[in-house]
Amino acid sequence: MNIQVGDVGHIIQLAIAPVFLLTGVCTNLMVLTNRLARIIDRSRVLEDRLDVGYSDVYLNELDVLYQRSHLINSSITLSTACGLLICLVIAMLFLGDITNIALDKYIAGMFVVAMLALIGSFYYLLREIFIASASMRSHRHVRRPLK
């Protein structure tokens, strides 16, 4: 278990790409949590308005917001799983080199699963954006002609 400086340098070089990927995943998580916060804020406003009086318009918008929040939560879960798997890949790169255990198949497998989780996260985010856009278009006001 004699680790040379050159070995550590090589491991760090191998870990650079997953670290940059982890940065991107963290940025994605910030976007997702901001979208979730906006959904929650809007749903609270609508629920307060519904406490004052019944409205089908508010209930329909709340239904859309609940659907969007479910999709964003799924996306957050998958992004978090992706980040965790990338961290494990980085740790296994170091562990495999330090202990001389062949972990290359496990590292490759975890990386593939991390990419599948990231793809799933982007899929759910895209679905949420489509629903938000469709909802916005359905509530569009029509201009009345001037008389």
N, C-alpha and C. Protein backbone atom coordinates (compact mmCIF):
# COMPACT_ATOMS: atom_id res chain seq x y z
N MET A 1 0.84 -1.19 0.00
CA MET A 1 0.00 0.00 0.00
C MET A 1 0.88 1.24 0.00
N ASN A 2 1.83 1.26 -0.90
CA ASN A 2 2.74 2.37 -1.04
C ASN A 2 2.24 3.25 -2.19
N ILE A 3 1.71 4.42 -1.85
CA ILE A 3 1.14 5.31 -2.85
C ILE A 3 2.19 6.32 -3.28
N GLN A 4 2.39 6.42 -4.58
CA GLN A 4 3.35 7.37 -5.14
C GLN A 4 2.61 8.64 -5.53
N VAL A 5 3.32 9.76 -5.52
CA VAL A 5 2.72 11.04 -5.89
C VAL A 5 2.20 10.99 -7.32
N GLY A 6 2.90 10.32 -8.20
CA GLY A 6 2.47 10.20 -9.59
C GLY A 6 1.16 9.45 -9.72
N ASP A 7 0.98 8.43 -8.86
CA ASP A 7 -0.28 7.66 -8.87
C ASP A 7 -1.45 8.55 -8.48
N VAL A 8 -1.26 9.34 -7.44
CA VAL A 8 -2.33 10.23 -6.97
C VAL A 8 -2.65 11.25 -8.06
N GLY A 9 -1.62 11.78 -8.70
CA GLY A 9 -1.84 12.73 -9.79
C GLY A 9 -2.64 12.12 -10.92
N HIS A 10 -2.34 10.86 -11.24
CA HIS A 10 -3.07 10.16 -12.30
C HIS A 10 -4.54 9.95 -11.89
N ILE A 11 -4.77 9.59 -10.65
CA ILE A 11 -6.14 9.39 -10.17
C ILE A 11 -6.92 10.70 -10.22
N ILE A 12 -6.27 11.78 -9.84
CA ILE A 12 -6.93 13.09 -9.87
C ILE A 12 -7.27 13.45 -11.32
N GLN A 13 -6.38 13.14 -12.24
CA GLN A 13 -6.68 13.40 -13.65
C GLN A 13 -7.90 12.60 -14.11
N LEU A 14 -8.00 11.36 -13.67
CA LEU A 14 -9.17 10.54 -14.02
C LEU A 14 -10.45 11.08 -13.39
N ALA A 15 -10.33 11.66 -12.21
CA ALA A 15 -11.51 12.13 -11.48
C ALA A 15 -11.98 13.50 -11.93
N ILE A 16 -11.21 14.20 -12.76
CA ILE A 16 -11.58 15.56 -13.16
C ILE A 16 -12.90 15.58 -13.94
N ALA A 17 -13.07 14.70 -14.91
CA ALA A 17 -14.30 14.69 -15.71
C ALA A 17 -15.54 14.44 -14.85
N PRO A 18 -15.53 13.43 -13.96
CA PRO A 18 -16.71 13.26 -13.10
C PRO A 18 -16.95 14.45 -12.18
N VAL A 19 -15.89 15.13 -11.77
CA VAL A 19 -16.07 16.30 -10.89
C VAL A 19 -16.77 17.42 -11.66
N PHE A 20 -16.37 17.64 -12.93
CA PHE A 20 -17.05 18.65 -13.74
C PHE A 20 -18.51 18.26 -13.98
N LEU A 21 -18.75 16.98 -14.19
CA LEU A 21 -20.12 16.50 -14.36
C LEU A 21 -20.92 16.75 -13.08
N LEU A 22 -20.29 16.53 -11.95
CA LEU A 22 -20.96 16.77 -10.67
C LEU A 22 -21.34 18.24 -10.51
N THR A 23 -20.50 19.13 -10.99
CA THR A 23 -20.82 20.56 -10.97
C THR A 23 -22.06 20.84 -11.80
N GLY A 24 -22.15 20.24 -12.97
CA GLY A 24 -23.34 20.42 -13.81
C GLY A 24 -24.60 19.86 -13.17
N VAL A 25 -24.47 18.72 -12.51
CA VAL A 25 -25.61 18.12 -11.83
C VAL A 25 -26.08 19.02 -10.68
N CYS A 26 -25.13 19.61 -9.97
CA CYS A 26 -25.49 20.53 -8.88
C CYS A 26 -26.19 21.78 -9.41
N THR A 27 -25.75 22.27 -10.55
CA THR A 27 -26.43 23.41 -11.17
C THR A 27 -27.84 23.03 -11.58
N ASN A 28 -28.00 21.84 -12.13
CA ASN A 28 -29.33 21.33 -12.48
C ASN A 28 -30.21 21.25 -11.24
N LEU A 29 -29.66 20.78 -10.13
CA LEU A 29 -30.43 20.71 -8.89
C LEU A 29 -30.88 22.09 -8.42
N MET A 30 -30.03 23.10 -8.60
CA MET A 30 -30.43 24.46 -8.22
C MET A 30 -31.60 24.93 -9.07
N VAL A 31 -31.56 24.65 -10.37
CA VAL A 31 -32.66 25.03 -11.25
C VAL A 31 -33.94 24.32 -10.83
N LEU A 32 -33.84 23.04 -10.56
CA LEU A 32 -35.01 22.27 -10.17
C LEU A 32 -35.61 22.75 -8.86
N THR A 33 -34.77 23.01 -7.87
CA THR A 33 -35.31 23.47 -6.58
C THR A 33 -35.91 24.87 -6.70
N ASN A 34 -35.36 25.71 -7.57
CA ASN A 34 -35.97 27.03 -7.79
C ASN A 34 -37.34 26.89 -8.45
N ARG A 35 -37.44 25.99 -9.41
CA ARG A 35 -38.75 25.76 -10.05
C ARG A 35 -39.75 25.22 -9.04
N LEU A 36 -39.31 24.30 -8.19
CA LEU A 36 -40.20 23.76 -7.17
C LEU A 36 -40.64 24.84 -6.19
N ALA A 37 -39.73 25.72 -5.81
CA ALA A 37 -40.08 26.81 -4.89
C ALA A 37 -41.13 27.73 -5.50
N ARG A 38 -41.00 28.02 -6.78
CA ARG A 38 -42.00 28.87 -7.45
C ARG A 38 -43.36 28.18 -7.51
N ILE A 39 -43.36 26.88 -7.75
CA ILE A 39 -44.61 26.12 -7.78
C ILE A 39 -45.26 26.15 -6.40
N ILE A 40 -44.47 25.94 -5.36
CA ILE A 40 -44.99 25.94 -4.00
C ILE A 40 -45.54 27.31 -3.63
N ASP A 41 -44.82 28.37 -3.98
CA ASP A 41 -45.29 29.72 -3.68
C ASP A 41 -46.63 30.00 -4.36
N ARG A 42 -46.73 29.63 -5.64
CA ARG A 42 -47.98 29.87 -6.36
C ARG A 42 -49.12 29.04 -5.79
N SER A 43 -48.85 27.80 -5.41
CA SER A 43 -49.91 26.96 -4.85
C SER A 43 -50.39 27.50 -3.51
N ARG A 44 -49.49 28.07 -2.71
CA ARG A 44 -49.91 28.68 -1.44
C ARG A 44 -50.83 29.87 -1.67
N VAL A 45 -50.50 30.68 -2.67
CA VAL A 45 -51.36 31.83 -3.00
C VAL A 45 -52.75 31.34 -3.40
N LEU A 46 -52.79 30.33 -4.26
CA LEU A 46 -54.09 29.81 -4.71
C LEU A 46 -54.87 29.18 -3.58
N GLU A 47 -54.19 28.45 -2.70
CA GLU A 47 -54.89 27.84 -1.57
C GLU A 47 -55.44 28.90 -0.62
N ASP A 48 -54.70 29.98 -0.43
CA ASP A 48 -55.23 31.08 0.39
C ASP A 48 -56.46 31.70 -0.25
N ARG A 49 -56.43 31.86 -1.56
CA ARG A 49 -57.59 32.41 -2.26
C ARG A 49 -58.78 31.47 -2.17
N LEU A 50 -58.51 30.16 -2.21
CA LEU A 50 -59.60 29.19 -2.11
C LEU A 50 -60.19 29.16 -0.70
N ASP A 51 -59.40 29.51 0.30
CA ASP A 51 -59.93 29.59 1.66
C ASP A 51 -60.98 30.70 1.76
N VAL A 52 -60.82 31.73 0.94
CA VAL A 52 -61.76 32.86 0.93
C VAL A 52 -63.03 32.50 0.17
N GLY A 53 -62.86 31.85 -0.98
CA GLY A 53 -64.03 31.49 -1.79
C GLY A 53 -63.68 30.45 -2.83
N TYR A 54 -64.67 29.64 -3.20
CA TYR A 54 -64.50 28.57 -4.16
C TYR A 54 -64.32 29.14 -5.56
N SER A 55 -63.40 28.52 -6.34
CA SER A 55 -63.19 28.92 -7.72
C SER A 55 -62.67 27.73 -8.52
N ASP A 56 -63.39 27.40 -9.60
CA ASP A 56 -62.93 26.31 -10.48
C ASP A 56 -61.61 26.64 -11.14
N VAL A 57 -61.40 27.90 -11.47
CA VAL A 57 -60.17 28.32 -12.13
C VAL A 57 -58.97 28.05 -11.21
N TYR A 58 -59.11 28.41 -9.93
CA TYR A 58 -58.01 28.19 -8.98
C TYR A 58 -57.77 26.70 -8.75
N LEU A 59 -58.85 25.93 -8.66
CA LEU A 59 -58.71 24.48 -8.46
C LEU A 59 -58.02 23.82 -9.66
N ASN A 60 -58.39 24.25 -10.86
CA ASN A 60 -57.75 23.69 -12.06
C ASN A 60 -56.26 24.04 -12.09
N GLU A 61 -55.94 25.28 -11.74
CA GLU A 61 -54.53 25.68 -11.72
C GLU A 61 -53.76 24.91 -10.65
N LEU A 62 -54.41 24.68 -9.50
CA LEU A 62 -53.77 23.89 -8.44
C LEU A 62 -53.49 22.47 -8.91
N ASP A 63 -54.44 21.88 -9.65
CA ASP A 63 -54.22 20.53 -10.18
C ASP A 63 -52.98 20.49 -11.08
N VAL A 64 -52.84 21.50 -11.92
CA VAL A 64 -51.67 21.58 -12.80
C VAL A 64 -50.40 21.75 -11.97
N LEU A 65 -50.46 22.60 -10.94
CA LEU A 65 -49.29 22.81 -10.08
C LEU A 65 -48.90 21.53 -9.33
N TYR A 66 -49.88 20.76 -8.87
CA TYR A 66 -49.57 19.50 -8.19
C TYR A 66 -48.91 18.52 -9.15
N GLN A 67 -49.40 18.48 -10.39
CA GLN A 67 -48.79 17.61 -11.40
C GLN A 67 -47.36 18.05 -11.68
N ARG A 68 -47.15 19.35 -11.83
CA ARG A 68 -45.80 19.87 -12.08
C ARG A 68 -44.87 19.57 -10.91
N SER A 69 -45.38 19.73 -9.68
CA SER A 69 -44.51 19.49 -8.51
C SER A 69 -44.12 18.02 -8.42
N HIS A 70 -45.01 17.13 -8.81
CA HIS A 70 -44.68 15.71 -8.80
C HIS A 70 -43.55 15.42 -9.80
N LEU A 71 -43.63 16.02 -10.98
CA LEU A 71 -42.59 15.81 -11.99
C LEU A 71 -41.26 16.40 -11.54
N ILE A 72 -41.30 17.58 -10.94
CA ILE A 72 -40.06 18.21 -10.46
C ILE A 72 -39.45 17.39 -9.33
N ASN A 73 -40.30 16.86 -8.43
CA ASN A 73 -39.77 16.01 -7.36
C ASN A 73 -39.10 14.76 -7.92
N SER A 74 -39.68 14.18 -8.94
CA SER A 74 -39.06 13.01 -9.58
C SER A 74 -37.73 13.40 -10.20
N SER A 75 -37.69 14.56 -10.83
CA SER A 75 -36.45 15.03 -11.45
C SER A 75 -35.38 15.30 -10.40
N ILE A 76 -35.78 15.90 -9.29
CA ILE A 76 -34.83 16.16 -8.20
C ILE A 76 -34.28 14.85 -7.64
N THR A 77 -35.15 13.87 -7.46
CA THR A 77 -34.72 12.57 -6.95
C THR A 77 -33.69 11.93 -7.88
N LEU A 78 -33.95 11.97 -9.17
CA LEU A 78 -33.02 11.36 -10.13
C LEU A 78 -31.71 12.14 -10.21
N SER A 79 -31.78 13.46 -10.15
CA SER A 79 -30.55 14.27 -10.17
C SER A 79 -29.71 14.00 -8.93
N THR A 80 -30.36 13.88 -7.79
CA THR A 80 -29.65 13.60 -6.55
C THR A 80 -29.00 12.22 -6.62
N ALA A 81 -29.73 11.24 -7.15
CA ALA A 81 -29.16 9.90 -7.31
C ALA A 81 -27.97 9.94 -8.25
N CYS A 82 -28.08 10.72 -9.31
CA CYS A 82 -26.96 10.87 -10.26
C CYS A 82 -25.74 11.46 -9.54
N GLY A 83 -25.95 12.51 -8.76
CA GLY A 83 -24.84 13.11 -8.02
C GLY A 83 -24.20 12.14 -7.06
N LEU A 84 -25.03 11.38 -6.36
CA LEU A 84 -24.50 10.38 -5.42
C LEU A 84 -23.67 9.33 -6.15
N LEU A 85 -24.17 8.86 -7.28
CA LEU A 85 -23.44 7.85 -8.04
C LEU A 85 -22.12 8.40 -8.59
N ILE A 86 -22.12 9.65 -9.01
CA ILE A 86 -20.87 10.25 -9.49
C ILE A 86 -19.87 10.36 -8.34
N CYS A 87 -20.33 10.73 -7.16
CA CYS A 87 -19.44 10.77 -5.99
C CYS A 87 -18.87 9.39 -5.70
N LEU A 88 -19.69 8.37 -5.82
CA LEU A 88 -19.21 7.00 -5.60
C LEU A 88 -18.20 6.59 -6.66
N VAL A 89 -18.41 7.03 -7.91
CA VAL A 89 -17.45 6.74 -8.98
C VAL A 89 -16.10 7.35 -8.63
N ILE A 90 -16.11 8.60 -8.20
CA ILE A 90 -14.86 9.28 -7.83
C ILE A 90 -14.18 8.56 -6.67
N ALA A 91 -14.96 8.19 -5.66
CA ALA A 91 -14.39 7.48 -4.51
C ALA A 91 -13.82 6.12 -4.94
N MET A 92 -14.53 5.44 -5.82
CA MET A 92 -14.06 4.12 -6.27
C MET A 92 -12.81 4.23 -7.13
N LEU A 93 -12.66 5.34 -7.86
CA LEU A 93 -11.43 5.55 -8.62
C LEU A 93 -10.23 5.57 -7.67
N PHE A 94 -10.36 6.31 -6.58
CA PHE A 94 -9.27 6.38 -5.60
C PHE A 94 -9.11 5.05 -4.87
N LEU A 95 -10.22 4.48 -4.44
CA LEU A 95 -10.17 3.23 -3.67
C LEU A 95 -9.55 2.11 -4.49
N GLY A 96 -9.94 2.02 -5.74
CA GLY A 96 -9.41 0.96 -6.61
C GLY A 96 -7.92 1.09 -6.82
N ASP A 97 -7.44 2.31 -6.95
CA ASP A 97 -6.01 2.49 -7.17
C ASP A 97 -5.21 2.28 -5.88
N ILE A 98 -5.76 2.72 -4.77
CA ILE A 98 -5.05 2.58 -3.49
C ILE A 98 -4.96 1.12 -3.07
N THR A 99 -6.04 0.37 -3.26
CA THR A 99 -6.08 -1.02 -2.78
C THR A 99 -5.70 -2.04 -3.85
N ASN A 100 -5.47 -1.57 -5.08
CA ASN A 100 -5.16 -2.45 -6.20
C ASN A 100 -6.25 -3.49 -6.46
N ILE A 101 -7.49 -3.11 -6.18
CA ILE A 101 -8.64 -3.96 -6.48
C ILE A 101 -9.20 -3.51 -7.82
N ALA A 102 -9.55 -4.46 -8.67
CA ALA A 102 -10.10 -4.14 -10.00
C ALA A 102 -11.57 -3.73 -9.85
N LEU A 103 -11.79 -2.45 -9.84
CA LEU A 103 -13.15 -1.92 -9.71
C LEU A 103 -13.65 -1.31 -11.02
N ASP A 104 -12.93 -1.51 -12.10
CA ASP A 104 -13.26 -0.83 -13.34
C ASP A 104 -14.65 -1.15 -13.86
N LYS A 105 -15.10 -2.39 -13.73
CA LYS A 105 -16.45 -2.75 -14.19
C LYS A 105 -17.50 -2.09 -13.31
N TYR A 106 -17.27 -2.03 -12.00
CA TYR A 106 -18.21 -1.36 -11.09
C TYR A 106 -18.26 0.14 -11.36
N ILE A 107 -17.10 0.71 -11.61
CA ILE A 107 -17.03 2.15 -11.91
C ILE A 107 -17.79 2.44 -13.20
N ALA A 108 -17.56 1.64 -14.23
CA ALA A 108 -18.26 1.84 -15.50
C ALA A 108 -19.77 1.65 -15.33
N GLY A 109 -20.16 0.63 -14.57
CA GLY A 109 -21.58 0.38 -14.33
C GLY A 109 -22.25 1.53 -13.58
N MET A 110 -21.57 2.02 -12.54
CA MET A 110 -22.14 3.14 -11.79
C MET A 110 -22.23 4.39 -12.64
N PHE A 111 -21.25 4.61 -13.50
CA PHE A 111 -21.28 5.78 -14.37
C PHE A 111 -22.46 5.69 -15.34
N VAL A 112 -22.70 4.50 -15.90
CA VAL A 112 -23.82 4.31 -16.82
C VAL A 112 -25.15 4.54 -16.09
N VAL A 113 -25.27 4.02 -14.88
CA VAL A 113 -26.50 4.23 -14.11
C VAL A 113 -26.67 5.71 -13.77
N ALA A 114 -25.57 6.39 -13.46
CA ALA A 114 -25.64 7.84 -13.19
C ALA A 114 -26.14 8.59 -14.42
N MET A 115 -25.66 8.20 -15.60
CA MET A 115 -26.10 8.86 -16.83
C MET A 115 -27.58 8.58 -17.10
N LEU A 116 -28.02 7.37 -16.81
CA LEU A 116 -29.44 7.06 -16.98
C LEU A 116 -30.30 7.89 -16.02
N ALA A 117 -29.82 8.07 -14.80
CA ALA A 117 -30.54 8.92 -13.84
C ALA A 117 -30.59 10.36 -14.32
N LEU A 118 -29.49 10.85 -14.87
CA LEU A 118 -29.46 12.22 -15.39
C LEU A 118 -30.40 12.37 -16.58
N ILE A 119 -30.42 11.39 -17.46
CA ILE A 119 -31.34 11.42 -18.59
C ILE A 119 -32.78 11.44 -18.09
N GLY A 120 -33.09 10.61 -17.10
CA GLY A 120 -34.43 10.61 -16.52
C GLY A 120 -34.79 11.94 -15.88
N SER A 121 -33.83 12.54 -15.22
CA SER A 121 -34.06 13.85 -14.60
C SER A 121 -34.40 14.89 -15.65
N PHE A 122 -33.64 14.91 -16.74
CA PHE A 122 -33.92 15.86 -17.82
C PHE A 122 -35.26 15.57 -18.48
N TYR A 123 -35.62 14.30 -18.58
CA TYR A 123 -36.91 13.92 -19.16
C TYR A 123 -38.06 14.50 -18.32
N TYR A 124 -37.99 14.31 -17.00
CA TYR A 124 -39.05 14.83 -16.13
C TYR A 124 -39.07 16.36 -16.14
N LEU A 125 -37.90 16.98 -16.20
CA LEU A 125 -37.86 18.44 -16.29
C LEU A 125 -38.51 18.91 -17.57
N LEU A 126 -38.24 18.25 -18.67
CA LEU A 126 -38.83 18.64 -19.95
C LEU A 126 -40.34 18.47 -19.93
N ARG A 127 -40.83 17.38 -19.34
CA ARG A 127 -42.28 17.18 -19.22
C ARG A 127 -42.91 18.29 -18.39
N GLU A 128 -42.24 18.67 -17.29
CA GLU A 128 -42.77 19.75 -16.44
C GLU A 128 -42.81 21.06 -17.20
N ILE A 129 -41.79 21.34 -17.99
CA ILE A 129 -41.76 22.57 -18.78
C ILE A 129 -42.88 22.57 -19.81
N PHE A 130 -43.13 21.44 -20.46
CA PHE A 130 -44.22 21.36 -21.43
C PHE A 130 -45.57 21.63 -20.77
N ILE A 131 -45.77 21.07 -19.58
CA ILE A 131 -47.03 21.29 -18.87
C ILE A 131 -47.17 22.75 -18.46
N ALA A 132 -46.08 23.35 -17.98
CA ALA A 132 -46.12 24.76 -17.58
C ALA A 132 -46.41 25.65 -18.78
N SER A 133 -45.81 25.34 -19.92
CA SER A 133 -46.04 26.13 -21.13
C SER A 133 -47.47 25.98 -21.63
N ALA A 134 -47.97 24.77 -21.61
CA ALA A 134 -49.35 24.53 -22.05
C ALA A 134 -50.33 25.25 -21.13
N SER A 135 -50.06 25.22 -19.84
CA SER A 135 -50.92 25.91 -18.87
C SER A 135 -50.90 27.42 -19.11
N MET A 136 -49.73 27.94 -19.39
CA MET A 136 -49.61 29.38 -19.64
C MET A 136 -50.40 29.76 -20.90
N ARG A 137 -50.29 28.94 -21.94
CA ARG A 137 -51.02 29.24 -23.18
C ARG A 137 -52.53 29.13 -22.98
N SER A 138 -52.97 28.23 -22.13
CA SER A 138 -54.42 28.06 -21.93
C SER A 138 -55.01 29.22 -21.13
N HIS A 139 -54.19 29.93 -20.37
CA HIS A 139 -54.67 31.08 -19.58
C HIS A 139 -54.39 32.42 -20.27
N ARG A 140 -54.03 32.34 -21.52
CA ARG A 140 -53.70 33.56 -22.27
C ARG A 140 -54.94 34.41 -22.46
N HIS A 141 -54.77 35.69 -22.22
CA HIS A 141 -55.88 36.63 -22.42
C HIS A 141 -55.93 37.05 -23.88
N VAL A 142 -57.14 37.18 -24.37
CA VAL A 142 -57.34 37.60 -25.75
C VAL A 142 -57.62 39.10 -25.75
N ARG A 143 -56.96 39.81 -26.63
CA ARG A 143 -57.17 41.25 -26.71
C ARG A 143 -58.52 41.53 -27.38
N ARG A 144 -59.19 42.47 -26.82
CA ARG A 144 -60.46 42.89 -27.41
C ARG A 144 -60.18 44.05 -28.38
N PRO A 145 -60.87 44.03 -29.48
CA PRO A 145 -60.63 45.14 -30.43
C PRO A 145 -61.14 46.47 -29.85
N LEU A 146 -60.43 47.52 -30.16
CA LEU A 146 -60.84 48.85 -29.71
C LEU A 146 -62.02 49.32 -30.54
N LYS A 147 -62.94 50.00 -29.89
CA LYS A 147 -64.12 50.49 -30.60
C LYS A 147 -63.98 51.92 -30.98
